[in-house]
Amino acid sequence: MFTERELCDAIAECENAPSSLQNCQKLAVFYSLYDRLFAEKPEIEQKTAKSEVLPISSSNSEFLQAIAGRNWDSLLIILDELMDTVKILQPRLYAAVMQKLQE
């Protein structure tokens, strides 16, 4: 048998390998095993910044003051809704923001 850590390492290795059908098949098997045996997301994903609280230094920005101490999950939901609205009402602004995010 194998440990959770070994399975997470195998998942990370496949995710960082060049894309190929064989790697995708391995990754699908690894995720299926993980879901079946450990019933939660891999530790790799749990350690991403989105679950952390934002470290905001003192600022005069009303926006930064409003989000200080919040976690990424709740902020991203709000920002996603905002971006959907901006896309409809101001398509050029939406395109500019998306281009800036992709840089």
Protein backbone atom coordinates (compact mmCIF):
# COMPACT_ATOMS: atom_id res chain seq x y z
CA MET A 1 0.00 0.00 0.00
CA PHE A 2 1.03 3.67 -0.22
CA THR A 3 0.68 6.70 1.99
CA GLU A 4 -1.26 9.89 1.39
CA ARG A 5 2.02 11.79 1.05
CA GLU A 6 3.28 9.41 -1.64
CA LEU A 7 0.05 9.84 -3.58
CA CYS A 8 0.27 13.64 -3.29
CA ASP A 9 3.84 13.51 -4.55
CA ALA A 10 2.75 11.40 -7.54
CA ILE A 11 -0.04 13.87 -8.30
CA ALA A 12 2.36 16.81 -8.13
CA GLU A 13 4.84 15.02 -10.39
CA CYS A 14 2.16 14.36 -13.02
CA GLU A 15 0.84 17.92 -12.84
CA ASN A 16 4.33 19.31 -13.43
CA ALA A 17 5.18 16.87 -16.24
CA PRO A 18 4.64 17.76 -19.90
CA SER A 19 1.07 17.18 -21.05
CA SER A 20 0.51 13.82 -22.66
CA LEU A 21 -2.26 11.27 -22.81
CA GLN A 22 -0.29 8.92 -20.56
CA ASN A 23 0.25 11.63 -17.91
CA CYS A 24 -3.44 12.60 -18.02
CA GLN A 25 -4.44 8.97 -17.55
CA LYS A 26 -2.09 8.58 -14.58
CA LEU A 27 -3.36 11.81 -13.05
CA ALA A 28 -6.97 10.66 -13.40
CA VAL A 29 -6.15 7.39 -11.64
CA PHE A 30 -4.23 9.18 -8.88
CA TYR A 31 -7.09 11.63 -8.24
CA SER A 32 -9.62 8.80 -8.22
CA LEU A 33 -7.52 6.88 -5.71
CA TYR A 34 -7.11 9.95 -3.56
CA ASP A 35 -10.84 10.70 -3.57
CA ARG A 36 -11.64 7.08 -2.76
CA LEU A 37 -9.05 6.60 -0.01
CA PHE A 38 -8.71 9.99 1.61
CA ALA A 39 -12.03 11.73 0.70
CA GLU A 40 -10.64 15.25 0.59
CA LYS A 41 -8.56 17.41 -1.73
CA PRO A 42 -4.84 16.71 -1.93
CA GLU A 43 -2.64 18.52 0.56
CA ILE A 44 -1.01 20.27 -2.39
CA GLU A 45 -4.21 22.19 -3.10
CA GLN A 46 -4.98 22.86 0.55
CA LYS A 47 -1.77 24.86 0.93
CA THR A 48 -2.56 27.35 -1.83
CA ALA A 49 -2.84 31.02 -1.02
CA LYS A 50 -6.59 31.13 -1.61
CA SER A 51 -7.34 29.77 1.85
CA GLU A 52 -5.00 32.16 3.60
CA VAL A 53 -5.98 35.45 5.16
CA LEU A 54 -4.77 38.45 3.19
CA PRO A 55 -1.87 40.30 4.78
CA ILE A 56 -2.82 43.92 4.09
CA SER A 57 -0.52 46.65 5.29
CA SER A 58 -1.99 49.94 6.41
CA SER A 59 -3.35 51.79 3.43
CA ASN A 60 -5.67 54.67 2.71
CA SER A 61 -7.50 52.59 0.08
CA GLU A 62 -11.11 51.97 1.06
CA PHE A 63 -11.03 48.65 -0.83
CA LEU A 64 -7.89 47.36 0.94
CA GLN A 65 -9.30 48.37 4.31
CA ALA A 66 -12.56 46.55 3.54
CA ILE A 67 -10.81 43.28 2.65
CA ALA A 68 -8.25 43.32 5.45
CA GLY A 69 -8.42 40.10 7.45
CA ARG A 70 -10.67 38.27 4.96
CA ASN A 71 -9.73 34.97 3.34
CA TRP A 72 -9.29 34.45 -0.39
CA ASP A 73 -12.29 32.14 -0.78
CA SER A 74 -14.86 34.75 0.25
CA LEU A 75 -13.09 37.54 -1.65
CA LEU A 76 -12.85 35.62 -4.90
CA ILE A 77 -16.58 34.87 -4.88
CA ILE A 78 -17.37 38.58 -4.48
CA LEU A 79 -14.83 39.62 -7.12
CA ASP A 80 -16.13 36.99 -9.55
CA GLU A 81 -19.65 38.41 -9.25
CA LEU A 82 -18.27 41.90 -9.76
CA MET A 83 -16.35 40.85 -12.87
CA ASP A 84 -19.49 39.22 -14.34
CA THR A 85 -21.30 42.54 -13.90
CA VAL A 86 -18.39 44.54 -15.36
CA LYS A 87 -18.30 42.18 -18.37
CA ILE A 88 -21.93 43.03 -19.16
CA LEU A 89 -21.93 46.75 -18.35
CA GLN A 90 -18.38 47.72 -19.37
CA PRO A 91 -16.95 45.15 -21.82
CA ARG A 92 -13.89 47.29 -22.67
CA LEU A 93 -13.00 47.71 -18.99
CA TYR A 94 -13.49 43.97 -18.46
CA ALA A 95 -11.18 43.18 -21.40
CA ALA A 96 -8.54 45.58 -20.08
CA VAL A 97 -8.62 44.03 -16.60
CA MET A 98 -8.45 40.50 -17.99
CA GLN A 99 -5.50 41.45 -20.20
CA LYS A 100 -3.70 42.95 -17.22
CA LEU A 101 -4.31 39.78 -15.17
CA GLN A 102 -2.84 37.64 -17.95
CA GLU A 103 0.41 39.66 -18.08
